[in-house]
Amino acid sequence: MYVIVVYDAAPARGAKLLKFLRKHLTWVQNSVFEGELTSSQFFTVEATIYDIINEDEDSVICYTFGSKMYSDRMIFGIEKNSTDTFI
């Protein structure tokens, strides 16, 4: 599945989310990540997010798509981090 994660968290928890999500998804820009995950990988990401955040103070939104093929991405202005996988 293709996943987009957007979060707004207190600085200490935000730093933990950033560090964790960089291991699983591609950083797109401040507090935004995207990428392909299996169902089990998504379950791990979801469970860890719940472990990191304070549900009374922080907000995390996960958008899931069956495939990247069904999503469209438009960039206005500068691109903060290229998601190209070309090496």
C-alpha atoms as a PDB file:
ATOM      1  CA  MET A   1       0.000   0.000   0.000  1.00  0.00           C
ATOM      2  CA  TYR A   2       1.075   3.584  -0.544  1.00  0.00           C
ATOM      3  CA  VAL A   3       1.079   5.696   2.628  1.00  0.00           C
ATOM      4  CA  ILE A   4       1.313   9.412   3.389  1.00  0.00           C
ATOM      5  CA  VAL A   5       1.888  10.364   7.038  1.00  0.00           C
ATOM      6  CA  VAL A   6       1.441  13.930   8.295  1.00  0.00           C
ATOM      7  CA  TYR A   7       2.029  14.861  11.909  1.00  0.00           C
ATOM      8  CA  ASP A   8       2.004  17.746  14.355  1.00  0.00           C
ATOM      9  CA  ALA A   9       3.565  16.865  17.705  1.00  0.00           C
ATOM     10  CA  ALA A  10       5.354  18.490  20.617  1.00  0.00           C
ATOM     11  CA  PRO A  11       9.058  19.028  19.814  1.00  0.00           C
ATOM     12  CA  ALA A  12      10.445  16.045  21.759  1.00  0.00           C
ATOM     13  CA  ARG A  13       7.864  13.609  20.389  1.00  0.00           C
ATOM     14  CA  GLY A  14       8.112  15.210  16.945  1.00  0.00           C
ATOM     15  CA  ALA A  15      11.837  14.444  16.911  1.00  0.00           C
ATOM     16  CA  LYS A  16      11.114  10.819  17.841  1.00  0.00           C
ATOM     17  CA  LEU A  17       8.507  10.558  15.079  1.00  0.00           C
ATOM     18  CA  LEU A  18      10.932  12.065  12.572  1.00  0.00           C
ATOM     19  CA  LYS A  19      13.680   9.611  13.475  1.00  0.00           C
ATOM     20  CA  PHE A  20      11.325   6.622  13.403  1.00  0.00           C
ATOM     21  CA  LEU A  21       9.496   7.526  10.191  1.00  0.00           C
ATOM     22  CA  ARG A  22      12.756   8.173   8.302  1.00  0.00           C
ATOM     23  CA  LYS A  23      13.534   4.471   8.779  1.00  0.00           C
ATOM     24  CA  HIS A  24      10.308   3.403   7.065  1.00  0.00           C
ATOM     25  CA  LEU A  25       9.215   6.144   4.661  1.00  0.00           C
ATOM     26  CA  THR A  26      10.649   8.919   2.520  1.00  0.00           C
ATOM     27  CA  TRP A  27      10.786  12.378   4.071  1.00  0.00           C
ATOM     28  CA  VAL A  28       8.959  14.804   1.773  1.00  0.00           C
ATOM     29  CA  GLN A  29       8.975  18.007   3.817  1.00  0.00           C
ATOM     30  CA  ASN A  30       8.488  19.191   7.394  1.00  0.00           C
ATOM     31  CA  SER A  31       6.421  16.545   9.209  1.00  0.00           C
ATOM     32  CA  VAL A  32       5.371  14.779   5.984  1.00  0.00           C
ATOM     33  CA  PHE A  33       6.443  11.306   4.865  1.00  0.00           C
ATOM     34  CA  GLU A  34       5.372   8.997   2.057  1.00  0.00           C
ATOM     35  CA  GLY A  35       6.171   5.595   0.630  1.00  0.00           C
ATOM     36  CA  GLU A  36       5.223   1.990  -0.012  1.00  0.00           C
ATOM     37  CA  LEU A  37       4.592  -0.308   2.954  1.00  0.00           C
ATOM     38  CA  THR A  38       3.300  -3.830   3.308  1.00  0.00           C
ATOM     39  CA  SER A  39       0.334  -4.385   5.611  1.00  0.00           C
ATOM     40  CA  SER A  40       2.614  -5.730   8.343  1.00  0.00           C
ATOM     41  CA  GLN A  41       5.006  -2.784   7.968  1.00  0.00           C
ATOM     42  CA  PHE A  42       2.071  -0.393   8.232  1.00  0.00           C
ATOM     43  CA  PHE A  43       0.877  -2.184  11.365  1.00  0.00           C
ATOM     44  CA  THR A  44       4.358  -1.690  12.893  1.00  0.00           C
ATOM     45  CA  VAL A  45       4.384   1.994  11.920  1.00  0.00           C
ATOM     46  CA  GLU A  46       0.885   2.520  13.323  1.00  0.00           C
ATOM     47  CA  ALA A  47       1.678   0.762  16.619  1.00  0.00           C
ATOM     48  CA  THR A  48       4.928   2.685  17.082  1.00  0.00           C
ATOM     49  CA  ILE A  49       3.237   6.012  16.359  1.00  0.00           C
ATOM     50  CA  TYR A  50       0.738   5.254  19.142  1.00  0.00           C
ATOM     51  CA  ASP A  51       3.661   4.458  21.464  1.00  0.00           C
ATOM     52  CA  ILE A  52       5.409   7.760  20.682  1.00  0.00           C
ATOM     53  CA  ILE A  53       2.590  10.308  20.673  1.00  0.00           C
ATOM     54  CA  ASN A  54       0.411  11.765  23.393  1.00  0.00           C
ATOM     55  CA  GLU A  55      -3.096  11.322  21.989  1.00  0.00           C
ATOM     56  CA  ASP A  56      -4.362  14.329  23.959  1.00  0.00           C
ATOM     57  CA  GLU A  57      -1.778  16.733  22.513  1.00  0.00           C
ATOM     58  CA  ASP A  58      -0.416  15.415  19.198  1.00  0.00           C
ATOM     59  CA  SER A  59      -1.983  14.742  15.810  1.00  0.00           C
ATOM     60  CA  VAL A  60      -0.955  12.189  13.178  1.00  0.00           C
ATOM     61  CA  ILE A  61      -2.873  11.607   9.945  1.00  0.00           C
ATOM     62  CA  CYS A  62      -2.184   8.576   7.740  1.00  0.00           C
ATOM     63  CA  TYR A  63      -3.534   8.497   4.196  1.00  0.00           C
ATOM     64  CA  THR A  64      -3.465   5.025   2.644  1.00  0.00           C
ATOM     65  CA  PHE A  65      -3.899   4.077  -0.999  1.00  0.00           C
ATOM     66  CA  GLY A  66      -4.065   0.608  -2.525  1.00  0.00           C
ATOM     67  CA  SER A  67      -1.163   1.628  -4.745  1.00  0.00           C
ATOM     68  CA  LYS A  68       0.842   4.701  -5.714  1.00  0.00           C
ATOM     69  CA  MET A  69      -0.769   4.254  -9.120  1.00  0.00           C
ATOM     70  CA  TYR A  70      -4.036   5.630  -7.686  1.00  0.00           C
ATOM     71  CA  SER A  71      -2.476   8.774  -6.282  1.00  0.00           C
ATOM     72  CA  ASP A  72      -1.437  11.970  -8.000  1.00  0.00           C
ATOM     73  CA  ARG A  73       1.273  14.287  -6.707  1.00  0.00           C
ATOM     74  CA  MET A  74       1.588  17.957  -7.637  1.00  0.00           C
ATOM     75  CA  ILE A  75       4.258  20.281  -6.273  1.00  0.00           C
ATOM     76  CA  PHE A  76       3.810  24.046  -6.153  1.00  0.00           C
ATOM     77  CA  GLY A  77       6.977  25.971  -5.377  1.00  0.00           C
ATOM     78  CA  ILE A  78      10.195  24.260  -4.328  1.00  0.00           C
ATOM     79  CA  GLU A  79      10.489  20.561  -3.595  1.00  0.00           C
ATOM     80  CA  LYS A  80      11.961  20.116  -0.112  1.00  0.00           C
ATOM     81  CA  ASN A  81      13.228  16.571  -0.690  1.00  0.00           C
ATOM     82  CA  SER A  82      13.270  14.741  -3.984  1.00  0.00           C
ATOM     83  CA  THR A  83      11.618  11.323  -3.769  1.00  0.00           C
ATOM     84  CA  ASP A  84      13.468   9.984  -6.818  1.00  0.00           C
ATOM     85  CA  THR A  85      14.992   6.577  -6.212  1.00  0.00           C
ATOM     86  CA  PHE A  86      17.398   6.906  -9.136  1.00  0.00           C
ATOM     87  CA  ILE A  87      20.985   6.348  -8.082  1.00  0.00           C
END
